[in-house]
C-alpha atoms as a PDB file:
ATOM      1  CA  MET A   1     173.098 122.423 137.513  1.00  0.00           C
ATOM      2  CA  ALA A   2     171.164 119.576 136.972  1.00  0.00           C
ATOM      3  CA  ASN A   3     171.679 116.192 135.288  1.00  0.00           C
ATOM      4  CA  VAL A   4     168.997 114.478 133.063  1.00  0.00           C
ATOM      5  CA  LEU A   5     168.489 111.310 132.094  1.00  0.00           C
ATOM      6  CA  VAL A   6     166.904 110.577 128.886  1.00  0.00           C
ATOM      7  CA  PHE A   7     165.660 107.312 127.030  1.00  0.00           C
ATOM      8  CA  ALA A   8     167.118 107.175 123.597  1.00  0.00           C
ATOM      9  CA  GLU A   9     164.423 104.991 121.465  1.00  0.00           C
ATOM     10  CA  THR A  10     166.068 102.334 118.991  1.00  0.00           C
ATOM     11  CA  ARG A  11     164.716 100.119 116.377  1.00  0.00           C
ATOM     12  CA  GLY A  12     167.094  97.172 116.694  1.00  0.00           C
ATOM     13  CA  ASN A  13     169.973  98.359 117.729  1.00  0.00           C
ATOM     14  CA  ALA A  14     169.580 101.306 115.300  1.00  0.00           C
ATOM     15  CA  LEU A  15     168.727 104.952 116.954  1.00  0.00           C
ATOM     16  CA  ARG A  16     165.596 105.896 115.942  1.00  0.00           C
ATOM     17  CA  LYS A  17     165.431 109.757 114.838  1.00  0.00           C
ATOM     18  CA  VAL A  18     163.135 110.928 117.982  1.00  0.00           C
ATOM     19  CA  ALA A  19     166.338 109.681 120.010  1.00  0.00           C
ATOM     20  CA  LEU A  20     168.209 112.557 118.763  1.00  0.00           C
ATOM     21  CA  GLU A  21     165.230 114.743 119.083  1.00  0.00           C
ATOM     22  CA  ALA A  22     164.762 113.189 123.005  1.00  0.00           C
ATOM     23  CA  VAL A  23     168.634 114.147 123.391  1.00  0.00           C
ATOM     24  CA  THR A  24     168.523 117.758 121.990  1.00  0.00           C
ATOM     25  CA  ALA A  25     165.535 118.052 124.054  1.00  0.00           C
ATOM     26  CA  ALA A  26     167.412 116.993 127.208  1.00  0.00           C
ATOM     27  CA  ARG A  27     170.645 119.155 126.187  1.00  0.00           C
ATOM     28  CA  ALA A  28     168.563 122.239 126.265  1.00  0.00           C
ATOM     29  CA  LEU A  29     166.865 121.420 129.788  1.00  0.00           C
ATOM     30  CA  ALA A  30     170.195 120.713 131.588  1.00  0.00           C
ATOM     31  CA  ASP A  31     172.008 123.925 129.972  1.00  0.00           C
ATOM     32  CA  SER A  32     168.990 126.106 131.053  1.00  0.00           C
ATOM     33  CA  SER A  33     169.386 124.605 134.406  1.00  0.00           C
ATOM     34  CA  GLY A  34     173.250 125.629 134.672  1.00  0.00           C
ATOM     35  CA  GLY A  35     174.550 123.226 132.522  1.00  0.00           C
ATOM     36  CA  GLY A  36     174.280 119.841 133.807  1.00  0.00           C
ATOM     37  CA  GLU A  37     174.997 116.330 132.313  1.00  0.00           C
ATOM     38  CA  VAL A  38     173.051 114.491 129.973  1.00  0.00           C
ATOM     39  CA  HIS A  39     172.376 110.803 130.255  1.00  0.00           C
ATOM     40  CA  ALA A  40     171.433 109.098 127.775  1.00  0.00           C
ATOM     41  CA  LEU A  41     170.695 105.106 128.212  1.00  0.00           C
ATOM     42  CA  VAL A  42     169.400 102.795 125.122  1.00  0.00           C
ATOM     43  CA  ALA A  43     168.531  99.465 125.253  1.00  0.00           C
ATOM     44  CA  GLY A  44     168.977  96.244 123.380  1.00  0.00           C
ATOM     45  CA  THR A  45     171.047  93.053 122.072  1.00  0.00           C
ATOM     46  CA  PRO A  46     175.037  93.579 122.615  1.00  0.00           C
ATOM     47  CA  GLY A  47     176.246  95.985 120.657  1.00  0.00           C
ATOM     48  CA  VAL A  48     173.203  98.949 121.074  1.00  0.00           C
ATOM     49  CA  GLY A  49     176.068 100.673 122.971  1.00  0.00           C
ATOM     50  CA  ALA A  50     177.530 101.633 119.763  1.00  0.00           C
ATOM     51  CA  ALA A  51     175.198 104.526 119.606  1.00  0.00           C
ATOM     52  CA  ALA A  52     177.832 106.199 121.837  1.00  0.00           C
ATOM     53  CA  GLU A  53     179.118 108.606 119.136  1.00  0.00           C
ATOM     54  CA  GLN A  54     176.251 109.517 117.723  1.00  0.00           C
ATOM     55  CA  LEU A  55     174.247 110.706 121.154  1.00  0.00           C
ATOM     56  CA  GLY A  56     177.313 112.225 122.202  1.00  0.00           C
ATOM     57  CA  GLN A  57     177.467 114.748 118.516  1.00  0.00           C
ATOM     58  CA  HIS A  58     173.823 115.524 119.960  1.00  0.00           C
ATOM     59  CA  GLY A  59     175.218 116.484 123.334  1.00  0.00           C
ATOM     60  CA  ALA A  60     174.946 113.154 125.579  1.00  0.00           C
ATOM     61  CA  ASP A  61     177.674 113.398 128.378  1.00  0.00           C
ATOM     62  CA  VAL A  62     177.190 109.508 129.368  1.00  0.00           C
ATOM     63  CA  VAL A  63     175.837 107.024 127.109  1.00  0.00           C
ATOM     64  CA  VAL A  64     174.481 103.814 129.235  1.00  0.00           C
ATOM     65  CA  ALA A  65     174.046 100.556 127.635  1.00  0.00           C
ATOM     66  CA  VAL A  66     171.949  98.132 128.639  1.00  0.00           C
ATOM     67  CA  GLU A  67     172.345  95.106 126.939  1.00  0.00           C
ATOM     68  CA  HIS A  68     170.906  91.559 126.887  1.00  0.00           C
ATOM     69  CA  ALA A  69     169.943  89.318 124.427  1.00  0.00           C
ATOM     70  CA  GLY A  70     166.055  89.261 125.655  1.00  0.00           C
ATOM     71  CA  LEU A  71     166.034  92.742 124.372  1.00  0.00           C
ATOM     72  CA  ALA A  72     165.729  92.237 120.694  1.00  0.00           C
ATOM     73  CA  ASN A  73     162.238  93.771 120.990  1.00  0.00           C
ATOM     74  CA  PHE A  74     161.330  96.385 122.925  1.00  0.00           C
ATOM     75  CA  ASP A  75     160.216  95.302 126.779  1.00  0.00           C
ATOM     76  CA  ARG A  76     158.115  98.063 128.184  1.00  0.00           C
ATOM     77  CA  GLU A  77     158.156  96.446 131.616  1.00  0.00           C
ATOM     78  CA  VAL A  78     162.205  96.131 131.793  1.00  0.00           C
ATOM     79  CA  VAL A  79     162.831  99.392 130.493  1.00  0.00           C
ATOM     80  CA  ALA A  80     160.646 101.371 132.321  1.00  0.00           C
ATOM     81  CA  SER A  81     162.158  99.370 135.664  1.00  0.00           C
ATOM     82  CA  THR A  82     165.872 100.241 134.278  1.00  0.00           C
ATOM     83  CA  LEU A  83     165.143 103.905 133.930  1.00  0.00           C
ATOM     84  CA  ALA A  84     163.678 104.170 137.170  1.00  0.00           C
ATOM     85  CA  ALA A  85     166.658 102.219 138.333  1.00  0.00           C
ATOM     86  CA  ARG A  86     168.691 104.647 136.725  1.00  0.00           C
ATOM     87  CA  ALA A  87     167.139 107.626 138.249  1.00  0.00           C
ATOM     88  CA  LYS A  88     166.536 106.786 141.966  1.00  0.00           C
ATOM     89  CA  GLY A  89     170.321 105.698 141.548  1.00  0.00           C
ATOM     90  CA  GLY A  90     171.639 109.437 140.597  1.00  0.00           C
ATOM     91  CA  SER A  91     171.186 112.836 140.774  1.00  0.00           C
ATOM     92  CA  TYR A  92     168.830 113.500 138.222  1.00  0.00           C
ATOM     93  CA  ARG A  93     166.390 116.336 137.404  1.00  0.00           C
ATOM     94  CA  ALA A  94     164.330 115.221 135.111  1.00  0.00           C
ATOM     95  CA  VAL A  95     163.732 112.044 132.971  1.00  0.00           C
ATOM     96  CA  VAL A  96     162.956 113.045 129.050  1.00  0.00           C
ATOM     97  CA  LEU A  97     161.355 110.288 126.769  1.00  0.00           C
ATOM     98  CA  VAL A  98     159.795 111.160 123.266  1.00  0.00           C
ATOM     99  CA  PHE A  99     155.713 111.140 123.101  1.00  0.00           C
ATOM    100  CA  SER A 100     156.093 108.039 120.696  1.00  0.00           C
ATOM    101  CA  ALA A 101     154.309 104.586 121.377  1.00  0.00           C
ATOM    102  CA  GLN A 102     156.990 103.617 123.467  1.00  0.00           C
ATOM    103  CA  GLY A 103     156.949 106.906 125.301  1.00  0.00           C
ATOM    104  CA  ARG A 104     153.263 106.732 125.576  1.00  0.00           C
ATOM    105  CA  ASP A 105     153.713 103.175 127.187  1.00  0.00           C
ATOM    106  CA  ILE A 106     156.680 103.649 130.013  1.00  0.00           C
ATOM    107  CA  GLY A 107     156.442 106.989 130.472  1.00  0.00           C
ATOM    108  CA  PRO A 108     153.550 106.761 133.004  1.00  0.00           C
ATOM    109  CA  ARG A 109     154.924 103.723 134.678  1.00  0.00           C
ATOM    110  CA  ILE A 110     158.248 105.245 135.023  1.00  0.00           C
ATOM    111  CA  ALA A 111     156.087 108.322 136.784  1.00  0.00           C
ATOM    112  CA  ALA A 112     154.432 105.822 138.843  1.00  0.00           C
ATOM    113  CA  LYS A 113     157.766 103.914 139.994  1.00  0.00           C
ATOM    114  CA  LEU A 114     159.340 107.188 141.079  1.00  0.00           C
ATOM    115  CA  ASP A 115     156.275 109.031 142.511  1.00  0.00           C
ATOM    116  CA  ALA A 116     156.979 111.854 139.957  1.00  0.00           C
ATOM    117  CA  PRO A 117     154.890 114.389 138.161  1.00  0.00           C
ATOM    118  CA  ILE A 118     154.839 113.440 134.432  1.00  0.00           C
ATOM    119  CA  LEU A 119     154.137 116.205 131.786  1.00  0.00           C
ATOM    120  CA  SER A 120     153.266 114.781 128.431  1.00  0.00           C
ATOM    121  CA  ASP A 121     153.204 115.935 124.793  1.00  0.00           C
ATOM    122  CA  VAL A 122     155.404 118.989 125.664  1.00  0.00           C
ATOM    123  CA  VAL A 123     157.169 121.039 122.398  1.00  0.00           C
ATOM    124  CA  ASP A 124     159.377 123.325 125.110  1.00  0.00           C
ATOM    125  CA  VAL A 125     161.322 122.786 128.080  1.00  0.00           C
ATOM    126  CA  GLN A 126     163.304 124.853 130.571  1.00  0.00           C
ATOM    127  CA  ALA A 127     164.401 124.693 134.339  1.00  0.00           C
ATOM    128  CA  SER A 128     163.528 127.728 136.235  1.00  0.00           C
ATOM    129  CA  GLY A 129     164.580 127.868 139.596  1.00  0.00           C
ATOM    130  CA  ASP A 130     163.249 124.800 141.241  1.00  0.00           C
ATOM    131  CA  SER A 131     160.376 124.529 138.469  1.00  0.00           C
ATOM    132  CA  ILE A 132     160.152 122.864 135.018  1.00  0.00           C
ATOM    133  CA  VAL A 133     158.259 124.947 132.604  1.00  0.00           C
ATOM    134  CA  VAL A 134     156.987 123.035 129.174  1.00  0.00           C
ATOM    135  CA  LYS A 135     154.752 124.246 126.690  1.00  0.00           C
ATOM    136  CA  HIS A 136     151.726 122.105 126.177  1.00  0.00           C
ATOM    137  CA  PRO A 137     149.192 122.036 122.738  1.00  0.00           C
ATOM    138  CA  ALA A 138     145.663 122.057 124.357  1.00  0.00           C
ATOM    139  CA  TYR A 139     142.568 122.623 122.545  1.00  0.00           C
ATOM    140  CA  ALA A 140     142.951 120.228 119.387  1.00  0.00           C
ATOM    141  CA  ASN A 141     146.810 122.767 118.627  1.00  0.00           C
ATOM    142  CA  LYS A 142     144.568 125.871 118.942  1.00  0.00           C
ATOM    143  CA  VAL A 143     146.321 127.170 122.084  1.00  0.00           C
ATOM    144  CA  ILE A 144     149.648 126.497 123.485  1.00  0.00           C
ATOM    145  CA  THR A 145     149.342 126.046 127.612  1.00  0.00           C
ATOM    146  CA  THR A 146     152.343 126.863 130.215  1.00  0.00           C
ATOM    147  CA  LEU A 147     152.593 123.966 132.476  1.00  0.00           C
ATOM    148  CA  GLU A 148     155.436 124.477 135.552  1.00  0.00           C
ATOM    149  CA  ALA A 149     156.052 121.340 137.856  1.00  0.00           C
ATOM    150  CA  LYS A 150     157.495 121.950 141.372  1.00  0.00           C
ATOM    151  CA  ALA A 151     158.991 118.320 142.165  1.00  0.00           C
ATOM    152  CA  PRO A 152     162.420 117.289 143.253  1.00  0.00           C
ATOM    153  CA  LEU A 153     162.271 115.167 140.016  1.00  0.00           C
ATOM    154  CA  VAL A 154     159.872 115.451 137.032  1.00  0.00           C
ATOM    155  CA  VAL A 155     158.961 112.916 133.853  1.00  0.00           C
ATOM    156  CA  VAL A 156     158.871 114.933 130.216  1.00  0.00           C
ATOM    157  CA  SER A 157     157.813 113.503 127.329  1.00  0.00           C
ATOM    158  CA  VAL A 158     158.591 115.353 124.272  1.00  0.00           C
ATOM    159  CA  ARG A 159     156.371 115.365 121.086  1.00  0.00           C
ATOM    160  CA  PRO A 160     157.873 113.788 118.166  1.00  0.00           C
ATOM    161  CA  GLY A 161     159.128 116.626 115.427  1.00  0.00           C
ATOM    162  CA  ALA A 162     158.837 119.547 117.881  1.00  0.00           C
ATOM    163  CA  PHE A 163     162.750 119.339 118.822  1.00  0.00           C
ATOM    164  CA  THR A 164     164.928 119.694 115.863  1.00  0.00           C
ATOM    165  CA  PRO A 165     168.343 117.292 116.460  1.00  0.00           C
ATOM    166  CA  LYS A 166     171.101 119.593 117.239  1.00  0.00           C
ATOM    167  CA  LEU A 167     174.572 119.258 117.081  1.00  0.00           C
ATOM    168  CA  ALA A 168     176.518 119.754 120.234  1.00  0.00           C
ATOM    169  CA  PRO A 169     179.372 117.338 120.285  1.00  0.00           C
ATOM    170  CA  ARG A 170     180.527 115.702 123.951  1.00  0.00           C
ATOM    171  CA  ALA A 171     183.451 113.221 124.264  1.00  0.00           C
ATOM    172  CA  ALA A 172     180.469 110.538 125.772  1.00  0.00           C
ATOM    173  CA  ARG A 173     181.503 108.329 128.591  1.00  0.00           C
ATOM    174  CA  ALA A 174     180.411 104.960 127.779  1.00  0.00           C
ATOM    175  CA  GLU A 175     179.055 102.916 130.636  1.00  0.00           C
ATOM    176  CA  THR A 176     176.765  99.825 131.082  1.00  0.00           C
ATOM    177  CA  MET A 177     174.122  98.635 133.352  1.00  0.00           C
ATOM    178  CA  ALA A 178     172.201  95.340 133.737  1.00  0.00           C
ATOM    179  CA  PRO A 179     168.577  95.175 132.893  1.00  0.00           C
ATOM    180  CA  ALA A 180     166.848  95.973 136.570  1.00  0.00           C
ATOM    181  CA  SER A 181     164.351  93.206 135.721  1.00  0.00           C
ATOM    182  CA  GLU A 182     164.755  89.600 133.793  1.00  0.00           C
ATOM    183  CA  PRO A 183     163.253  89.882 130.292  1.00  0.00           C
ATOM    184  CA  ALA A 184     162.548  86.617 130.448  1.00  0.00           C
ATOM    185  CA  ALA A 185     159.998  87.222 133.404  1.00  0.00           C
ATOM    186  CA  SER A 186     158.090  90.027 131.532  1.00  0.00           C
ATOM    187  CA  LYS A 187     154.408  89.440 131.874  1.00  0.00           C
ATOM    188  CA  VAL A 188     154.205  90.368 128.349  1.00  0.00           C
ATOM    189  CA  VAL A 189     156.378  89.641 125.455  1.00  0.00           C
ATOM    190  CA  VAL A 190     156.826  91.578 122.321  1.00  0.00           C
ATOM    191  CA  LYS A 191     157.562  88.632 119.735  1.00  0.00           C
ATOM    192  CA  GLU A 192     157.656  90.611 116.694  1.00  0.00           C
ATOM    193  CA  MET A 193     157.113  94.277 115.417  1.00  0.00           C
ATOM    194  CA  ILE A 194     155.713  95.310 112.079  1.00  0.00           C
ATOM    195  CA  GLU A 195     155.743  98.766 110.818  1.00  0.00           C
ATOM    196  CA  GLY A 196     152.239 100.169 109.379  1.00  0.00           C
ATOM    197  CA  GLY A 197     151.652 101.418 106.349  1.00  0.00           C
ATOM    198  CA  LYS A 198     152.784 104.579 105.389  1.00  0.00           C
ATOM    199  CA  GLY A 199     151.402 107.463 103.093  1.00  0.00           C
ATOM    200  CA  LYS A 200     147.191 108.771 102.401  1.00  0.00           C
ATOM    201  CA  LEU A 201     144.906 106.115 102.935  1.00  0.00           C
ATOM    202  CA  ASP A 202     142.967 105.030  99.626  1.00  0.00           C
ATOM    203  CA  LEU A 203     139.459 105.801 100.211  1.00  0.00           C
END
């Protein structure tokens, strides 16, 4: 039995769809280990903790809200240091996040802070004894490789769309946590986030 910490991405203070995918993957990992808890961490401005109910419906036992006025936009340094601090302070088997732009940014940072291996862009994850076993597409998605990590704590980033959000209702307990570092002191400050165009290119 092992607990899993998951980063639930938001845009503004609203959950992104990939947040529910990450919680679903974390729930599957915890269940495969014998039924540990899933702790979902959300970061944003005051009010972001309102995501607790939706995350609980998809398998989170605990929702940790990191609320600060300086987190209106994604702050890689603060989020990475806060997730690492939470992981160090708890009995977690894995840290799960999405292999999105944000996940690719903070995943290696978290792994370095925890001195933990990282398994990226995975499409399946489960616990097997004292190992975390994942499936990872390789060779331009032509083959699926199986990777195994034997370590006390492993960082896992899941491919967007690989896990369909599933209902696994829990009465999620709400907790709060202060950022592990001061947002105003970050070396890189995001002033604005602009979503790129969608659809086919007009060539």
